[in-house]
Amino acid sequence: MPKKSFDAELWIKLGLKTLKNEGLAKFGVEALARKAGVTKGSFYWHFKDRDDYFKQIVDYWLTRQLQIIQHFSQQADDVEPKQQLYNVMHYILNKNTDEDTAMRSWVMHYDYATKAVKKVDKMRLEYLIRLFKEMGYNKDESKLRAQMLYFYQVGEHTILERDREGIRSRLNDLHYKMLVDGVC
């Protein structure tokens, strides 16, 4: 029976999933290879060692996050700031945040991940601050509103992972109204 192919991206996705669901304790090369149904040789074909693997996981996540930020930033000329904010909030509402959660859990153990998460947090907040400024809020108010939204979104995904009552969409809409219109 031929061995199945397991490329570097599949290894990285497996690493992110394992990190999210089981933490660093289950992050051994042998355990990951067993999960993938491949030999450890497949791992070492793609990665020099575990540190190289960790770095590539972080780089993969970072690249994807920067692409998303860039995508939304490019809307600036075509979409009003309020609509951009609405689009971002609904994107986040429907986004699978497992990778973000995994990266955030990793920052306590891996400096390279800490730097990547800080970079993404900074860029996301800068984008949100710019949107609020374009809506007419002053610098301080824009920063506060951006932080309120961002901190809420990060925390909401760690607490409400399963939306059993359909509440996330309603909360998202209410949060938008509070931030943009000051209405509850």
Protein backbone atom coordinates (compact mmCIF):
# COMPACT_ATOMS: atom_id res chain seq x y z
CA MET A 1 0.00 0.00 0.00
CA PRO A 2 1.51 3.39 -0.99
CA LYS A 3 2.25 5.93 1.74
CA LYS A 4 0.06 9.01 1.66
CA SER A 5 1.66 12.34 0.83
CA PHE A 6 1.89 14.84 3.67
CA ASP A 7 3.35 18.17 2.58
CA ALA A 8 4.69 20.98 4.76
CA GLU A 9 1.38 22.88 4.77
CA LEU A 10 -0.49 19.82 6.04
CA TRP A 11 2.10 19.43 8.80
CA ILE A 12 1.65 23.09 9.72
CA LYS A 13 -2.15 22.80 9.80
CA LEU A 14 -1.85 19.66 11.93
CA GLY A 15 0.45 21.56 14.28
CA LEU A 16 -2.00 24.45 14.63
CA LYS A 17 -4.89 22.07 15.26
CA THR A 18 -2.91 20.07 17.80
CA LEU A 19 -1.72 23.21 19.54
CA LYS A 20 -5.30 24.48 19.80
CA ASN A 21 -6.89 21.21 20.90
CA GLU A 22 -4.17 19.58 22.99
CA GLY A 23 -1.48 22.14 23.72
CA LEU A 24 2.27 21.74 23.62
CA ALA A 25 2.22 18.47 25.57
CA LYS A 26 1.09 16.54 22.46
CA PHE A 27 3.48 18.34 20.16
CA GLY A 28 6.13 15.63 19.79
CA VAL A 29 7.23 14.68 16.29
CA GLU A 30 6.37 11.02 16.83
CA ALA A 31 2.87 11.77 18.13
CA LEU A 32 2.19 14.16 15.25
CA ALA A 33 3.44 11.61 12.70
CA ARG A 34 1.11 8.99 14.20
CA LYS A 35 -1.84 11.40 13.89
CA ALA A 36 -0.91 12.10 10.29
CA GLY A 37 -0.47 8.40 9.51
CA VAL A 38 3.04 9.00 8.18
CA THR A 39 6.58 8.34 9.34
CA LYS A 40 8.79 10.79 11.22
CA GLY A 41 10.88 10.89 8.06
CA SER A 42 8.11 12.89 6.39
CA PHE A 43 8.44 15.50 9.12
CA TYR A 44 12.21 15.75 8.71
CA TRP A 45 11.84 15.97 4.95
CA HIS A 46 10.05 19.28 5.41
CA PHE A 47 11.60 20.64 8.62
CA LYS A 48 15.16 20.66 10.00
CA ASP A 49 13.97 20.13 13.55
CA ARG A 50 11.16 20.99 15.93
CA ASP A 51 12.30 24.62 16.25
CA ASP A 52 12.22 25.03 12.47
CA TYR A 53 8.72 23.52 12.50
CA PHE A 54 7.58 25.93 15.23
CA LYS A 55 8.98 28.89 13.29
CA GLN A 56 7.25 27.82 10.08
CA ILE A 57 3.92 27.40 11.91
CA VAL A 58 4.19 30.94 13.25
CA ASP A 59 5.28 32.31 9.85
CA TYR A 60 2.34 30.56 8.16
CA TRP A 61 -0.13 32.07 10.64
CA LEU A 62 1.49 35.51 10.45
CA THR A 63 1.42 35.57 6.64
CA ARG A 64 -2.27 34.62 6.59
CA GLN A 65 -3.16 37.30 9.13
CA LEU A 66 -1.24 40.01 7.27
CA GLN A 67 -3.02 39.05 4.04
CA ILE A 68 -6.40 39.43 5.76
CA ILE A 69 -5.47 42.83 7.18
CA GLN A 70 -4.23 43.92 3.76
CA HIS A 71 -7.46 42.73 2.13
CA PHE A 72 -9.61 44.84 4.43
CA SER A 73 -7.24 47.83 4.23
CA GLN A 74 -7.56 47.86 0.45
CA GLN A 75 -11.29 48.54 0.76
CA ALA A 76 -10.59 52.05 2.05
CA ASP A 77 -11.18 53.80 -1.27
CA ASP A 78 -14.32 51.88 -2.23
CA VAL A 79 -16.20 51.30 1.04
CA GLU A 80 -17.34 53.79 3.68
CA PRO A 81 -15.61 53.37 7.09
CA LYS A 82 -18.83 52.29 8.87
CA GLN A 83 -19.40 49.60 6.25
CA GLN A 84 -15.77 48.51 6.49
CA LEU A 85 -16.17 48.11 10.25
CA TYR A 86 -19.37 46.16 9.76
CA ASN A 87 -17.62 43.92 7.19
CA VAL A 88 -14.70 43.27 9.52
CA MET A 89 -16.95 42.46 12.45
CA HIS A 90 -19.00 40.01 10.40
CA TYR A 91 -15.88 38.44 8.95
CA ILE A 92 -14.60 37.83 12.47
CA LEU A 93 -18.00 36.52 13.55
CA ASN A 94 -17.91 33.87 10.83
CA LYS A 95 -14.17 33.18 10.93
CA ASN A 96 -12.75 30.00 12.40
CA THR A 97 -10.54 31.43 15.12
CA ASP A 98 -8.80 28.19 16.10
CA GLU A 99 -5.49 29.38 14.65
CA ASP A 100 -5.64 32.68 16.55
CA THR A 101 -6.50 30.86 19.76
CA ALA A 102 -3.60 28.46 19.20
CA MET A 103 -1.15 31.30 18.63
CA ARG A 104 -2.37 33.15 21.71
CA SER A 105 -1.91 30.02 23.83
CA TRP A 106 1.61 29.67 22.49
CA VAL A 107 2.84 33.14 23.42
CA MET A 108 3.55 32.07 26.98
CA HIS A 109 5.98 29.42 25.76
CA TYR A 110 7.54 30.67 22.55
CA ASP A 111 9.06 34.14 22.02
CA TYR A 112 8.81 33.91 18.24
CA ALA A 113 5.04 33.45 18.53
CA THR A 114 4.84 36.34 20.99
CA LYS A 115 6.47 38.68 18.48
CA ALA A 116 4.14 37.54 15.69
CA VAL A 117 0.99 37.94 17.79
CA LYS A 118 2.11 41.40 18.93
CA LYS A 119 2.72 42.40 15.32
CA VAL A 120 -0.71 41.21 14.21
CA ASP A 121 -2.42 42.82 17.21
CA LYS A 122 -0.68 46.12 16.45
CA MET A 123 -1.66 46.06 12.77
CA ARG A 124 -5.26 45.10 13.49
CA LEU A 125 -5.60 47.85 16.08
CA GLU A 126 -4.02 50.43 13.75
CA TYR A 127 -6.53 49.49 11.07
CA LEU A 128 -9.46 49.79 13.48
CA ILE A 129 -8.18 53.12 14.85
CA ARG A 130 -7.96 54.45 11.31
CA LEU A 131 -11.56 53.40 10.63
CA PHE A 132 -12.85 55.19 13.71
CA LYS A 133 -10.85 58.32 12.83
CA GLU A 134 -12.38 58.24 9.35
CA MET A 135 -15.80 58.08 11.02
CA GLY A 136 -14.99 61.39 12.72
CA TYR A 137 -13.85 60.33 16.18
CA ASN A 138 -10.80 62.07 17.66
CA LYS A 139 -7.52 60.21 18.20
CA ASP A 140 -8.21 59.15 21.81
CA GLU A 141 -11.83 58.13 21.17
CA SER A 142 -10.76 56.18 18.07
CA LYS A 143 -8.11 54.31 20.03
CA LEU A 144 -10.53 53.50 22.86
CA ARG A 145 -13.22 52.27 20.48
CA ALA A 146 -10.70 50.18 18.53
CA GLN A 147 -9.37 48.61 21.73
CA MET A 148 -12.86 47.97 23.04
CA LEU A 149 -13.79 46.18 19.83
CA TYR A 150 -10.55 44.25 19.52
CA PHE A 151 -10.35 43.15 23.15
CA TYR A 152 -13.99 42.10 23.00
CA GLN A 153 -13.44 40.07 19.81
CA VAL A 154 -10.37 38.31 21.19
CA GLY A 155 -12.07 37.53 24.50
CA GLU A 156 -15.39 36.59 22.93
CA HIS A 157 -13.79 33.86 20.88
CA THR A 158 -12.13 32.32 23.91
CA ILE A 159 -15.35 32.29 25.92
CA LEU A 160 -18.11 31.64 23.37
CA GLU A 161 -16.44 28.97 21.24
CA ARG A 162 -19.73 27.17 20.72
CA ASP A 163 -22.69 29.33 19.87
CA ARG A 164 -25.41 27.07 21.22
CA GLU A 165 -27.99 29.82 21.57
CA GLY A 166 -27.24 31.82 18.41
CA ILE A 167 -26.18 34.71 20.59
CA ARG A 168 -22.92 35.66 18.82
CA SER A 169 -24.62 37.29 15.85
CA ARG A 170 -26.94 39.30 18.08
CA LEU A 171 -24.03 40.39 20.29
CA ASN A 172 -22.02 41.34 17.22
CA ASP A 173 -24.84 43.56 15.91
CA LEU A 174 -25.36 45.19 19.31
CA HIS A 175 -21.63 45.78 19.70
CA TYR A 176 -21.50 47.43 16.26
CA LYS A 177 -24.40 49.75 17.16
CA MET A 178 -22.76 50.68 20.46
CA LEU A 179 -19.42 51.45 18.83
CA VAL A 180 -20.71 53.35 15.83
CA ASP A 181 -23.96 54.93 16.94
CA GLY A 182 -23.63 54.88 20.73
CA VAL A 183 -26.97 53.04 20.88
CA CYS A 184 -27.89 50.05 23.01
